[in-house]
Every structure is written in C-alpha cells, then in structure tokens.
C-alpha cells in the first residue's frame, strides 16, 4: 500500500460541491458530509477559514518536527483544527499519547499562528 494522503475540509467541500454541480444532487450521506465540510472549512468553527494551500504548507512544516513525523495523522489533525493555544495542541497530542514538552508545544502554536496569520 502507498503512503496516506491527508486532506482538509476545504478540499472535501470543493469536491462535494463539484460532484453536486455535475450530478445535480448528492446522496443523503454526501449532503451531510458537504454540510459538515462547509461548516468546518468556514469561520463558524473556530473563527479561522480553512484554506487548502495553508493546510498543505502547515502540514509540511509540522511533519518536519521529529515527534510529528512519527505521527502524521496528528500533524494533519493539528493542521486542520488550527489550534492557536497550547491547551488545544496538548489535547490533540493526548489523543495519540504523543508527549511533548511545553517548549515544543509553544513551537507548534507559533507555527500554526504564523501560517494562518493569527495575532490574538
């Protein structure tokens, strides 16, 4: 099997909207997925709009960190959720028991903030 590819909600939204335009309608499940992707990619979820270009760039940078290179699914989750405070990063890391010290967590927060232009 090949390497896994991680995509963001904006990519899912765009693909489902494209399918809807081509087919004229989506199945119930596809409609539910589209509604969720629209919500998750928009600013309603966390105040930051998800952009595929930003997601891919951030994921690439996160995967350069040794501990996240060993857990690419966690790196993808961080890039998609866009946590801008340390507690949110720690919660994501805890889901896979990835252990990082406070300096490493702060580095991730800084990296995320730089990619999305967050100054809060």
PDB file of N, CA and C in Angstrom:
ATOM      1  N   UNK A   1       0.832  -1.187   0.000  1.00  0.00           N
ATOM      2  CA  UNK A   1       0.000   0.000   0.000  1.00  0.00           C
ATOM      3  C   UNK A   1       0.871   1.243   0.000  1.00  0.00           C
ATOM      4  N   UNK A   2       0.347   2.296  -0.617  1.00  0.00           N
ATOM      5  CA  UNK A   2       1.091   3.544  -0.710  1.00  0.00           C
ATOM      6  C   UNK A   2       0.973   4.386   0.539  1.00  0.00           C
ATOM      7  N   UNK A   3       1.590   5.519   0.468  1.00  0.00           N
ATOM      8  CA  UNK A   3       1.581   6.460   1.577  1.00  0.00           C
ATOM      9  C   UNK A   3       0.207   7.113   1.700  1.00  0.00           C
ATOM     10  N   UNK A   4      -0.241   7.376   2.929  1.00  0.00           N
ATOM     11  CA  UNK A   4      -1.530   8.018   3.145  1.00  0.00           C
ATOM     12  C   UNK A   4      -1.461   9.485   2.733  1.00  0.00           C
ATOM     13  N   UNK A   5      -2.579   9.969   2.229  1.00  0.00           N
ATOM     14  CA  UNK A   5      -2.700  11.374   1.882  1.00  0.00           C
ATOM     15  C   UNK A   5      -3.739  11.990   2.800  1.00  0.00           C
ATOM     16  N   UNK A   6      -3.398  13.113   3.393  1.00  0.00           N
ATOM     17  CA  UNK A   6      -4.320  13.806   4.291  1.00  0.00           C
ATOM     18  C   UNK A   6      -4.852  15.036   3.577  1.00  0.00           C
ATOM     19  N   UNK A   7      -6.167  15.255   3.670  1.00  0.00           N
ATOM     20  CA  UNK A   7      -6.779  16.413   3.035  1.00  0.00           C
ATOM     21  C   UNK A   7      -7.564  17.205   4.068  1.00  0.00           C
ATOM     22  N   UNK A   8      -7.830  18.436   3.731  1.00  0.00           N
ATOM     23  CA  UNK A   8      -8.545  19.317   4.649  1.00  0.00           C
ATOM     24  C   UNK A   8     -10.022  19.406   4.281  1.00  0.00           C
ATOM     25  N   UNK A   9     -10.788  20.051   5.149  1.00  0.00           N
ATOM     26  CA  UNK A   9     -12.225  20.189   4.933  1.00  0.00           C
ATOM     27  C   UNK A   9     -12.544  21.007   3.685  1.00  0.00           C
ATOM     28  N   UNK A  10     -11.707  21.979   3.364  1.00  0.00           N
ATOM     29  CA  UNK A  10     -11.958  22.791   2.175  1.00  0.00           C
ATOM     30  C   UNK A  10     -11.882  21.934   0.911  1.00  0.00           C
ATOM     31  N   UNK A  11     -10.961  20.995   0.873  1.00  0.00           N
ATOM     32  CA  UNK A  11     -10.844  20.094  -0.277  1.00  0.00           C
ATOM     33  C   UNK A  11     -12.074  19.195  -0.380  1.00  0.00           C
ATOM     34  N   UNK A  12     -12.535  18.691   0.750  1.00  0.00           N
ATOM     35  CA  UNK A  12     -13.738  17.855   0.778  1.00  0.00           C
ATOM     36  C   UNK A  12     -14.939  18.675   0.309  1.00  0.00           C
ATOM     37  N   UNK A  13     -15.060  19.874   0.839  1.00  0.00           N
ATOM     38  CA  UNK A  13     -16.171  20.756   0.439  1.00  0.00           C
ATOM     39  C   UNK A  13     -16.156  20.991  -1.069  1.00  0.00           C
ATOM     40  N   UNK A  14     -14.991  21.350  -1.599  1.00  0.00           N
ATOM     41  CA  UNK A  14     -14.882  21.645  -3.033  1.00  0.00           C
ATOM     42  C   UNK A  14     -15.211  20.421  -3.883  1.00  0.00           C
ATOM     43  N   UNK A  15     -14.750  19.245  -3.471  1.00  0.00           N
ATOM     44  CA  UNK A  15     -15.017  18.019  -4.230  1.00  0.00           C
ATOM     45  C   UNK A  15     -16.509  17.684  -4.221  1.00  0.00           C
ATOM     46  N   UNK A  16     -17.161  17.838  -3.067  1.00  0.00           N
ATOM     47  CA  UNK A  16     -18.591  17.539  -2.986  1.00  0.00           C
ATOM     48  C   UNK A  16     -19.434  18.574  -3.724  1.00  0.00           C
ATOM     49  N   UNK A  17     -19.027  19.837  -3.659  1.00  0.00           N
ATOM     50  CA  UNK A  17     -19.750  20.857  -4.420  1.00  0.00           C
ATOM     51  C   UNK A  17     -19.597  20.605  -5.921  1.00  0.00           C
ATOM     52  N   UNK A  18     -18.418  20.191  -6.334  1.00  0.00           N
ATOM     53  CA  UNK A  18     -18.167  19.861  -7.733  1.00  0.00           C
ATOM     54  C   UNK A  18     -19.039  18.678  -8.168  1.00  0.00           C
ATOM     55  N   UNK A  19     -19.104  17.657  -7.316  1.00  0.00           N
ATOM     56  CA  UNK A  19     -19.938  16.489  -7.618  1.00  0.00           C
ATOM     57  C   UNK A  19     -21.410  16.887  -7.699  1.00  0.00           C
ATOM     58  N   UNK A  20     -21.833  17.777  -6.823  1.00  0.00           N
ATOM     59  CA  UNK A  20     -23.224  18.229  -6.822  1.00  0.00           C
ATOM     60  C   UNK A  20     -23.548  18.975  -8.125  1.00  0.00           C
ATOM     61  N   UNK A  21     -22.616  19.795  -8.588  1.00  0.00           N
ATOM     62  CA  UNK A  21     -22.818  20.519  -9.850  1.00  0.00           C
ATOM     63  C   UNK A  21     -22.904  19.548 -11.030  1.00  0.00           C
ATOM     64  N   UNK A  22     -22.034  18.544 -11.045  1.00  0.00           N
ATOM     65  CA  UNK A  22     -22.012  17.579 -12.152  1.00  0.00           C
ATOM     66  C   UNK A  22     -23.246  16.686 -12.159  1.00  0.00           C
ATOM     67  N   UNK A  23     -23.654  16.216 -10.978  1.00  0.00           N
ATOM     68  CA  UNK A  23     -24.747  15.239 -10.880  1.00  0.00           C
ATOM     69  C   UNK A  23     -26.116  15.861 -10.672  1.00  0.00           C
ATOM     70  N   UNK A  24     -26.131  17.072 -10.162  1.00  0.00           N
ATOM     71  CA  UNK A  24     -27.399  17.714  -9.869  1.00  0.00           C
ATOM     72  C   UNK A  24     -27.886  17.461  -8.453  1.00  0.00           C
ATOM     73  N   UNK A  25     -27.462  16.372  -7.843  1.00  0.00           N
ATOM     74  CA  UNK A  25     -27.842  16.094  -6.462  1.00  0.00           C
ATOM     75  C   UNK A  25     -26.829  15.144  -5.835  1.00  0.00           C
ATOM     76  N   UNK A  26     -26.854  15.121  -4.517  1.00  0.00           N
ATOM     77  CA  UNK A  26     -25.982  14.235  -3.753  1.00  0.00           C
ATOM     78  C   UNK A  26     -26.836  13.288  -2.934  1.00  0.00           C
ATOM     79  N   UNK A  27     -26.245  12.175  -2.531  1.00  0.00           N
ATOM     80  CA  UNK A  27     -26.944  11.269  -1.628  1.00  0.00           C
ATOM     81  C   UNK A  27     -27.092  11.949  -0.262  1.00  0.00           C
ATOM     82  N   UNK A  28     -27.916  11.386   0.586  1.00  0.00           N
ATOM     83  CA  UNK A  28     -28.111  11.927   1.929  1.00  0.00           C
ATOM     84  C   UNK A  28     -26.775  12.033   2.667  1.00  0.00           C
ATOM     85  N   UNK A  29     -25.983  10.974   2.612  1.00  0.00           N
ATOM     86  CA  UNK A  29     -24.699  10.945   3.307  1.00  0.00           C
ATOM     87  C   UNK A  29     -23.748  11.991   2.760  1.00  0.00           C
ATOM     88  N   UNK A  30     -23.731  12.132   1.429  1.00  0.00           N
ATOM     89  CA  UNK A  30     -22.865  13.136   0.813  1.00  0.00           C
ATOM     90  C   UNK A  30     -23.320  14.545   1.196  1.00  0.00           C
ATOM     91  N   UNK A  31     -24.626  14.750   1.259  1.00  0.00           N
ATOM     92  CA  UNK A  31     -25.162  16.044   1.671  1.00  0.00           C
ATOM     93  C   UNK A  31     -24.758  16.376   3.105  1.00  0.00           C
ATOM     94  N   UNK A  32     -24.846  15.393   3.975  1.00  0.00           N
ATOM     95  CA  UNK A  32     -24.436  15.604   5.372  1.00  0.00           C
ATOM     96  C   UNK A  32     -22.942  15.923   5.443  1.00  0.00           C
ATOM     97  N   UNK A  33     -22.133  15.199   4.671  1.00  0.00           N
ATOM     98  CA  UNK A  33     -20.688  15.457   4.641  1.00  0.00           C
ATOM     99  C   UNK A  33     -20.406  16.849   4.093  1.00  0.00           C
ATOM    100  N   UNK A  34     -21.138  17.265   3.061  1.00  0.00           N
ATOM    101  CA  UNK A  34     -20.958  18.597   2.493  1.00  0.00           C
ATOM    102  C   UNK A  34     -21.304  19.668   3.518  1.00  0.00           C
ATOM    103  N   UNK A  35     -22.423  19.510   4.203  1.00  0.00           N
ATOM    104  CA  UNK A  35     -22.805  20.488   5.231  1.00  0.00           C
ATOM    105  C   UNK A  35     -21.752  20.597   6.320  1.00  0.00           C
ATOM    106  N   UNK A  36     -21.214  19.459   6.743  1.00  0.00           N
ATOM    107  CA  UNK A  36     -20.172  19.473   7.763  1.00  0.00           C
ATOM    108  C   UNK A  36     -18.899  20.138   7.232  1.00  0.00           C
ATOM    109  N   UNK A  37     -18.519  19.821   6.002  1.00  0.00           N
ATOM    110  CA  UNK A  37     -17.306  20.402   5.412  1.00  0.00           C
ATOM    111  C   UNK A  37     -17.450  21.911   5.247  1.00  0.00           C
ATOM    112  N   UNK A  38     -18.640  22.371   4.858  1.00  0.00           N
ATOM    113  CA  UNK A  38     -18.872  23.818   4.737  1.00  0.00           C
ATOM    114  C   UNK A  38     -18.695  24.485   6.094  1.00  0.00           C
ATOM    115  N   UNK A  39     -19.280  23.885   7.125  1.00  0.00           N
ATOM    116  CA  UNK A  39     -19.145  24.438   8.475  1.00  0.00           C
ATOM    117  C   UNK A  39     -17.688  24.399   8.946  1.00  0.00           C
ATOM    118  N   UNK A  40     -17.029  23.271   8.776  1.00  0.00           N
ATOM    119  CA  UNK A  40     -15.676  23.089   9.293  1.00  0.00           C
ATOM    120  C   UNK A  40     -14.649  23.929   8.546  1.00  0.00           C
ATOM    121  N   UNK A  41     -14.855  24.170   7.257  1.00  0.00           N
ATOM    122  CA  UNK A  41     -13.902  24.957   6.475  1.00  0.00           C
ATOM    123  C   UNK A  41     -14.145  26.456   6.629  1.00  0.00           C
ATOM    124  N   UNK A  42     -15.305  26.823   7.150  1.00  0.00           N
ATOM    125  CA  UNK A  42     -15.634  28.236   7.311  1.00  0.00           C
ATOM    126  C   UNK A  42     -15.183  28.768   8.655  1.00  0.00           C
ATOM    127  N   UNK A  43     -15.468  30.030   8.889  1.00  0.00           N
ATOM    128  CA  UNK A  43     -15.039  30.652  10.140  1.00  0.00           C
ATOM    129  C   UNK A  43     -16.003  30.407  11.295  1.00  0.00           C
ATOM    130  N   UNK A  44     -17.076  29.664  11.049  1.00  0.00           N
ATOM    131  CA  UNK A  44     -18.032  29.359  12.123  1.00  0.00           C
ATOM    132  C   UNK A  44     -17.446  28.428  13.169  1.00  0.00           C
ATOM    133  N   UNK A  45     -16.505  27.586  12.755  1.00  0.00           N
ATOM    134  CA  UNK A  45     -15.968  26.563  13.659  1.00  0.00           C
ATOM    135  C   UNK A  45     -15.015  27.161  14.683  1.00  0.00           C
ATOM    136  N   UNK A  46     -14.030  27.907  14.239  1.00  0.00           N
ATOM    137  CA  UNK A  46     -13.036  28.433  15.178  1.00  0.00           C
ATOM    138  C   UNK A  46     -12.627  29.862  14.855  1.00  0.00           C
ATOM    139  N   UNK A  47     -13.360  30.504  13.959  1.00  0.00           N
ATOM    140  CA  UNK A  47     -13.051  31.885  13.605  1.00  0.00           C
ATOM    141  C   UNK A  47     -11.994  32.021  12.525  1.00  0.00           C
ATOM    142  N   UNK A  48     -11.469  30.899  12.042  1.00  0.00           N
ATOM    143  CA  UNK A  48     -10.433  30.921  11.012  1.00  0.00           C
ATOM    144  C   UNK A  48     -10.894  30.067   9.840  1.00  0.00           C
ATOM    145  N   UNK A  49     -10.895  30.649   8.652  1.00  0.00           N
ATOM    146  CA  UNK A  49     -11.299  29.931   7.454  1.00  0.00           C
ATOM    147  C   UNK A  49     -10.174  28.984   7.036  1.00  0.00           C
ATOM    148  N   UNK A  50     -10.540  27.740   6.731  1.00  0.00           N
ATOM    149  CA  UNK A  50      -9.567  26.739   6.283  1.00  0.00           C
ATOM    150  C   UNK A  50      -9.293  26.932   4.795  1.00  0.00           C
ATOM    151  N   UNK A  51      -8.013  26.991   4.437  1.00  0.00           N
ATOM    152  CA  UNK A  51      -7.610  27.077   3.038  1.00  0.00           C
ATOM    153  C   UNK A  51      -6.678  25.915   2.747  1.00  0.00           C
ATOM    154  N   UNK A  52      -6.897  25.254   1.625  1.00  0.00           N
ATOM    155  CA  UNK A  52      -6.105  24.074   1.269  1.00  0.00           C
ATOM    156  C   UNK A  52      -4.623  24.399   1.189  1.00  0.00           C
ATOM    157  N   UNK A  53      -4.284  25.529   0.603  1.00  0.00           N
ATOM    158  CA  UNK A  53      -2.876  25.924   0.468  1.00  0.00           C
ATOM    159  C   UNK A  53      -2.207  26.066   1.838  1.00  0.00           C
ATOM    160  N   UNK A  54      -2.915  26.682   2.775  1.00  0.00           N
ATOM    161  CA  UNK A  54      -2.380  26.870   4.126  1.00  0.00           C
ATOM    162  C   UNK A  54      -2.265  25.521   4.838  1.00  0.00           C
ATOM    163  N   UNK A  55      -3.298  24.678   4.697  1.00  0.00           N
ATOM    164  CA  UNK A  55      -3.277  23.348   5.301  1.00  0.00           C
ATOM    165  C   UNK A  55      -2.056  22.562   4.820  1.00  0.00           C
ATOM    166  N   UNK A  56      -1.834  22.518   3.508  1.00  0.00           N
ATOM    167  CA  UNK A  56      -0.723  21.749   2.951  1.00  0.00           C
ATOM    168  C   UNK A  56       0.626  22.291   3.406  1.00  0.00           C
ATOM    169  N   UNK A  57       0.769  23.602   3.435  1.00  0.00           N
ATOM    170  CA  UNK A  57       2.021  24.219   3.875  1.00  0.00           C
ATOM    171  C   UNK A  57       2.281  23.943   5.357  1.00  0.00           C
ATOM    172  N   UNK A  58       1.233  24.084   6.164  1.00  0.00           N
ATOM    173  CA  UNK A  58       1.378  23.841   7.599  1.00  0.00           C
ATOM    174  C   UNK A  58       1.678  22.370   7.867  1.00  0.00           C
ATOM    175  N   UNK A  59       0.996  21.470   7.175  1.00  0.00           N
ATOM    176  CA  UNK A  59       1.238  20.039   7.359  1.00  0.00           C
ATOM    177  C   UNK A  59       2.693  19.705   7.021  1.00  0.00           C
ATOM    178  N   UNK A  60       3.192  20.249   5.938  1.00  0.00           N
ATOM    179  CA  UNK A  60       4.588  20.015   5.545  1.00  0.00           C
ATOM    180  C   UNK A  60       5.539  20.461   6.657  1.00  0.00           C
ATOM    181  N   UNK A  61       5.303  21.645   7.200  1.00  0.00           N
ATOM    182  CA  UNK A  61       6.168  22.156   8.270  1.00  0.00           C
ATOM    183  C   UNK A  61       6.035  21.341   9.559  1.00  0.00           C
ATOM    184  N   UNK A  62       4.819  20.921   9.888  1.00  0.00           N
ATOM    185  CA  UNK A  62       4.627  20.108  11.094  1.00  0.00           C
ATOM    186  C   UNK A  62       5.317  18.757  10.967  1.00  0.00           C
ATOM    187  N   UNK A  63       5.302  18.191   9.774  1.00  0.00           N
ATOM    188  CA  UNK A  63       5.943  16.884   9.569  1.00  0.00           C
ATOM    189  C   UNK A  63       7.463  16.951   9.643  1.00  0.00           C
ATOM    190  N   UNK A  64       8.019  18.153   9.637  1.00  0.00           N
ATOM    191  CA  UNK A  64       9.458  18.307   9.809  1.00  0.00           C
ATOM    192  C   UNK A  64       9.879  18.163  11.272  1.00  0.00           C
ATOM    193  N   UNK A  65       8.907  18.224  12.178  1.00  0.00           N
ATOM    194  CA  UNK A  65       9.192  18.013  13.598  1.00  0.00           C
ATOM    195  C   UNK A  65       9.248  16.511  13.859  1.00  0.00           C
ATOM    196  N   UNK A  66      10.306  16.054  14.515  1.00  0.00           N
ATOM    197  CA  UNK A  66      10.536  14.620  14.689  1.00  0.00           C
ATOM    198  C   UNK A  66       9.341  13.872  15.285  1.00  0.00           C
ATOM    199  N   UNK A  67       8.775  14.405  16.350  1.00  0.00           N
ATOM    200  CA  UNK A  67       7.691  13.689  17.026  1.00  0.00           C
ATOM    201  C   UNK A  67       6.420  13.646  16.181  1.00  0.00           C
ATOM    202  N   UNK A  68       6.207  14.653  15.362  1.00  0.00           N
ATOM    203  CA  UNK A  68       5.025  14.640  14.498  1.00  0.00           C
ATOM    204  C   UNK A  68       5.286  13.858  13.215  1.00  0.00           C
ATOM    205  N   UNK A  69       6.528  13.756  12.804  1.00  0.00           N
ATOM    206  CA  UNK A  69       6.853  12.929  11.638  1.00  0.00           C
ATOM    207  C   UNK A  69       6.505  11.474  11.934  1.00  0.00           C
ATOM    208  N   UNK A  70       6.614  11.100  13.199  1.00  0.00           N
ATOM    209  CA  UNK A  70       6.271   9.738  13.612  1.00  0.00           C
ATOM    210  C   UNK A  70       4.751   9.546  13.767  1.00  0.00           C
ATOM    211  N   UNK A  71       4.007  10.639  13.755  1.00  0.00           N
ATOM    212  CA  UNK A  71       2.546  10.580  13.899  1.00  0.00           C
ATOM    213  C   UNK A  71       1.907  11.550  12.893  1.00  0.00           C
ATOM    214  N   UNK A  72       1.989  11.231  11.602  1.00  0.00           N
ATOM    215  CA  UNK A  72       1.477  12.169  10.592  1.00  0.00           C
ATOM    216  C   UNK A  72      -0.021  12.447  10.697  1.00  0.00           C
ATOM    217  N   UNK A  73      -0.781  11.506  11.242  1.00  0.00           N
ATOM    218  CA  UNK A  73      -2.209  11.753  11.422  1.00  0.00           C
ATOM    219  C   UNK A  73      -2.455  12.861  12.444  1.00  0.00           C
ATOM    220  N   UNK A  74      -1.610  12.943  13.451  1.00  0.00           N
ATOM    221  CA  UNK A  74      -1.725  14.010  14.447  1.00  0.00           C
ATOM    222  C   UNK A  74      -1.300  15.342  13.827  1.00  0.00           C
ATOM    223  N   UNK A  75      -0.257  15.327  13.010  1.00  0.00           N
ATOM    224  CA  UNK A  75       0.164  16.548  12.313  1.00  0.00           C
ATOM    225  C   UNK A  75      -0.971  17.059  11.430  1.00  0.00           C
ATOM    226  N   UNK A  76      -1.649  16.153  10.728  1.00  0.00           N
ATOM    227  CA  UNK A  76      -2.770  16.541   9.865  1.00  0.00           C
ATOM    228  C   UNK A  76      -3.922  17.097  10.692  1.00  0.00           C
ATOM    229  N   UNK A  77      -4.173  16.498  11.844  1.00  0.00           N
ATOM    230  CA  UNK A  77      -5.252  16.973  12.713  1.00  0.00           C
ATOM    231  C   UNK A  77      -4.942  18.382  13.217  1.00  0.00           C
ATOM    232  N   UNK A  78      -3.684  18.626  13.574  1.00  0.00           N
ATOM    233  CA  UNK A  78      -3.278  19.965  14.024  1.00  0.00           C
ATOM    234  C   UNK A  78      -3.464  20.968  12.884  1.00  0.00           C
ATOM    235  N   UNK A  79      -3.031  20.599  11.679  1.00  0.00           N
ATOM    236  CA  UNK A  79      -3.153  21.500  10.530  1.00  0.00           C
ATOM    237  C   UNK A  79      -4.613  21.788  10.200  1.00  0.00           C
ATOM    238  N   UNK A  80      -5.496  20.844  10.431  1.00  0.00           N
ATOM    239  CA  UNK A  80      -6.913  21.046  10.124  1.00  0.00           C
ATOM    240  C   UNK A  80      -7.639  21.790  11.234  1.00  0.00           C
ATOM    241  N   UNK A  81      -7.380  21.464  12.474  1.00  0.00           N
ATOM    242  CA  UNK A  81      -8.086  22.087  13.590  1.00  0.00           C
ATOM    243  C   UNK A  81      -7.591  23.513  13.849  1.00  0.00           C
ATOM    244  N   UNK A  82      -6.339  23.772  13.510  1.00  0.00           N
ATOM    245  CA  UNK A  82      -5.724  25.100  13.670  1.00  0.00           C
ATOM    246  C   UNK A  82      -5.781  25.563  15.128  1.00  0.00           C
ATOM    247  N   UNK A  83      -5.163  24.809  16.029  1.00  0.00           N
ATOM    248  CA  UNK A  83      -5.171  25.215  17.437  1.00  0.00           C
ATOM    249  C   UNK A  83      -4.238  26.409  17.657  1.00  0.00           C
ATOM    250  N   UNK A  84      -4.753  27.465  18.275  1.00  0.00           N
ATOM    251  CA  UNK A  84      -3.947  28.660  18.478  1.00  0.00           C
ATOM    252  C   UNK A  84      -3.589  28.884  19.946  1.00  0.00           C
ATOM    253  N   UNK A  85      -3.827  27.882  20.771  1.00  0.00           N
ATOM    254  CA  UNK A  85      -3.359  27.969  22.155  1.00  0.00           C
ATOM    255  C   UNK A  85      -2.805  26.610  22.584  1.00  0.00           C
ATOM    256  N   UNK A  86      -1.891  26.622  23.535  1.00  0.00           N
ATOM    257  CA  UNK A  86      -1.205  25.388  23.946  1.00  0.00           C
ATOM    258  C   UNK A  86      -2.129  24.280  24.440  1.00  0.00           C
ATOM    259  N   UNK A  87      -3.178  24.619  25.164  1.00  0.00           N
ATOM    260  CA  UNK A  87      -4.073  23.580  25.684  1.00  0.00           C
ATOM    261  C   UNK A  87      -4.742  22.796  24.565  1.00  0.00           C
ATOM    262  N   UNK A  88      -5.095  23.477  23.491  1.00  0.00           N
ATOM    263  CA  UNK A  88      -5.710  22.785  22.352  1.00  0.00           C
ATOM    264  C   UNK A  88      -4.713  21.840  21.690  1.00  0.00           C
ATOM    265  N   UNK A  89      -3.471  22.278  21.566  1.00  0.00           N
ATOM    266  CA  UNK A  89      -2.430  21.409  20.995  1.00  0.00           C
ATOM    267  C   UNK A  89      -2.232  20.186  21.883  1.00  0.00           C
ATOM    268  N   UNK A  90      -2.172  20.403  23.186  1.00  0.00           N
ATOM    269  CA  UNK A  90      -1.977  19.292  24.121  1.00  0.00           C
ATOM    270  C   UNK A  90      -3.127  18.288  24.041  1.00  0.00           C
ATOM    271  N   UNK A  91      -4.341  18.772  23.855  1.00  0.00           N
ATOM    272  CA  UNK A  91      -5.493  17.873  23.740  1.00  0.00           C
ATOM    273  C   UNK A  91      -5.375  16.999  22.488  1.00  0.00           C
ATOM    274  N   UNK A  92      -4.937  17.591  21.397  1.00  0.00           N
ATOM    275  CA  UNK A  92      -4.760  16.824  20.159  1.00  0.00           C
ATOM    276  C   UNK A  92      -3.646  15.802  20.330  1.00  0.00           C
ATOM    277  N   UNK A  93      -2.537  16.209  20.928  1.00  0.00           N
ATOM    278  CA  UNK A  93      -1.414  15.293  21.149  1.00  0.00           C
ATOM    279  C   UNK A  93      -1.811  14.142  22.069  1.00  0.00           C
ATOM    280  N   UNK A  94      -2.632  14.434  23.067  1.00  0.00           N
ATOM    281  CA  UNK A  94      -3.042  13.407  24.027  1.00  0.00           C
ATOM    282  C   UNK A  94      -3.896  12.324  23.384  1.00  0.00           C
ATOM    283  N   UNK A  95      -4.573  12.666  22.288  1.00  0.00           N
ATOM    284  CA  UNK A  95      -5.427  11.672  21.642  1.00  0.00           C
ATOM    285  C   UNK A  95      -4.631  10.483  21.116  1.00  0.00           C
ATOM    286  N   UNK A  96      -3.340  10.671  20.896  1.00  0.00           N
ATOM    287  CA  UNK A  96      -2.474   9.573  20.452  1.00  0.00           C
ATOM    288  C   UNK A  96      -1.283   9.375  21.397  1.00  0.00           C
ATOM    289  N   UNK A  97      -1.392   9.988  22.557  1.00  0.00           N
ATOM    290  CA  UNK A  97      -0.355   9.883  23.574  1.00  0.00           C
ATOM    291  C   UNK A  97       1.020  10.320  23.064  1.00  0.00           C
ATOM    292  N   UNK A  98       1.019  11.387  22.257  1.00  0.00           N
ATOM    293  CA  UNK A  98       2.270  11.990  21.806  1.00  0.00           C
ATOM    294  C   UNK A  98       2.715  12.941  22.905  1.00  0.00           C
ATOM    295  N   UNK A  99       3.916  12.717  23.435  1.00  0.00           N
ATOM    296  CA  UNK A  99       4.413  13.507  24.553  1.00  0.00           C
ATOM    297  C   UNK A  99       5.367  14.575  24.035  1.00  0.00           C
ATOM    298  N   UNK A 100       5.084  15.825  24.410  1.00  0.00           N
ATOM    299  CA  UNK A 100       5.958  16.945  24.067  1.00  0.00           C
ATOM    300  C   UNK A 100       6.067  17.849  25.275  1.00  0.00           C
ATOM    301  N   UNK A 101       7.226  18.475  25.405  1.00  0.00           N
ATOM    302  CA  UNK A 101       7.377  19.429  26.498  1.00  0.00           C
ATOM    303  C   UNK A 101       6.748  20.768  26.097  1.00  0.00           C
ATOM    304  N   UNK A 102       6.666  21.681  27.054  1.00  0.00           N
ATOM    305  CA  UNK A 102       5.981  22.955  26.813  1.00  0.00           C
ATOM    306  C   UNK A 102       6.624  23.766  25.689  1.00  0.00           C
ATOM    307  N   UNK A 103       7.946  23.711  25.576  1.00  0.00           N
ATOM    308  CA  UNK A 103       8.620  24.449  24.508  1.00  0.00           C
ATOM    309  C   UNK A 103       8.230  23.919  23.129  1.00  0.00           C
ATOM    310  N   UNK A 104       8.118  22.604  23.001  1.00  0.00           N
ATOM    311  CA  UNK A 104       7.712  22.002  21.723  1.00  0.00           C
ATOM    312  C   UNK A 104       6.267  22.382  21.382  1.00  0.00           C
ATOM    313  N   UNK A 105       5.406  22.379  22.384  1.00  0.00           N
ATOM    314  CA  UNK A 105       4.014  22.757  22.178  1.00  0.00           C
ATOM    315  C   UNK A 105       3.930  24.230  21.756  1.00  0.00           C
ATOM    316  N   UNK A 106       4.683  25.082  22.419  1.00  0.00           N
ATOM    317  CA  UNK A 106       4.701  26.510  22.064  1.00  0.00           C
ATOM    318  C   UNK A 106       5.211  26.708  20.638  1.00  0.00           C
ATOM    319  N   UNK A 107       6.185  25.899  20.233  1.00  0.00           N
ATOM    320  CA  UNK A 107       6.697  25.971  18.866  1.00  0.00           C
ATOM    321  C   UNK A 107       5.587  25.637  17.864  1.00  0.00           C
ATOM    322  N   UNK A 108       4.788  24.638  18.162  1.00  0.00           N
ATOM    323  CA  UNK A 108       3.665  24.269  17.289  1.00  0.00           C
ATOM    324  C   UNK A 108       2.646  25.401  17.233  1.00  0.00           C
ATOM    325  N   UNK A 109       2.320  25.981  18.381  1.00  0.00           N
ATOM    326  CA  UNK A 109       1.363  27.089  18.426  1.00  0.00           C
ATOM    327  C   UNK A 109       1.880  28.259  17.586  1.00  0.00           C
ATOM    328  N   UNK A 110       3.144  28.577  17.715  1.00  0.00           N
ATOM    329  CA  UNK A 110       3.749  29.658  16.935  1.00  0.00           C
ATOM    330  C   UNK A 110       3.685  29.357  15.448  1.00  0.00           C
ATOM    331  N   UNK A 111       4.011  28.132  15.087  1.00  0.00           N
ATOM    332  CA  UNK A 111       3.971  27.716  13.692  1.00  0.00           C
ATOM    333  C   UNK A 111       2.553  27.841  13.127  1.00  0.00           C
ATOM    334  N   UNK A 112       1.560  27.365  13.871  1.00  0.00           N
ATOM    335  CA  UNK A 112       0.161  27.447  13.431  1.00  0.00           C
ATOM    336  C   UNK A 112      -0.248  28.901  13.269  1.00  0.00           C
ATOM    337  N   UNK A 113       0.065  29.721  14.255  1.00  0.00           N
ATOM    338  CA  UNK A 113      -0.313  31.146  14.199  1.00  0.00           C
ATOM    339  C   UNK A 113       0.332  31.847  13.001  1.00  0.00           C
ATOM    340  N   UNK A 114       1.579  31.526  12.722  1.00  0.00           N
ATOM    341  CA  UNK A 114       2.259  32.124  11.576  1.00  0.00           C
ATOM    342  C   UNK A 114       1.587  31.742  10.270  1.00  0.00           C
ATOM    343  N   UNK A 115       1.191  30.501  10.137  1.00  0.00           N
ATOM    344  CA  UNK A 115       0.573  30.027   8.895  1.00  0.00           C
ATOM    345  C   UNK A 115      -0.799  30.651   8.645  1.00  0.00           C
ATOM    346  N   UNK A 116      -1.554  30.908   9.703  1.00  0.00           N
ATOM    347  CA  UNK A 116      -2.901  31.447   9.499  1.00  0.00           C
ATOM    348  C   UNK A 116      -2.978  32.950   9.743  1.00  0.00           C
ATOM    349  N   UNK A 117      -1.863  33.547  10.131  1.00  0.00           N
ATOM    350  CA  UNK A 117      -1.850  35.000  10.374  1.00  0.00           C
ATOM    351  C   UNK A 117      -2.625  35.409  11.601  1.00  0.00           C
ATOM    352  N   UNK A 118      -2.638  34.537  12.603  1.00  0.00           N
ATOM    353  CA  UNK A 118      -3.379  34.795  13.845  1.00  0.00           C
ATOM    354  C   UNK A 118      -2.523  35.626  14.779  1.00  0.00           C
ATOM    355  N   UNK A 119      -3.102  36.731  15.273  1.00  0.00           N
ATOM    356  CA  UNK A 119      -2.350  37.596  16.178  1.00  0.00           C
ATOM    357  C   UNK A 119      -3.012  37.740  17.533  1.00  0.00           C
ATOM    358  N   UNK A 120      -4.043  36.930  17.813  1.00  0.00           N
ATOM    359  CA  UNK A 120      -4.806  37.016  19.056  1.00  0.00           C
ATOM    360  C   UNK A 120      -4.005  36.689  20.202  1.00  0.00           C
TER     361      UNK A 120
END
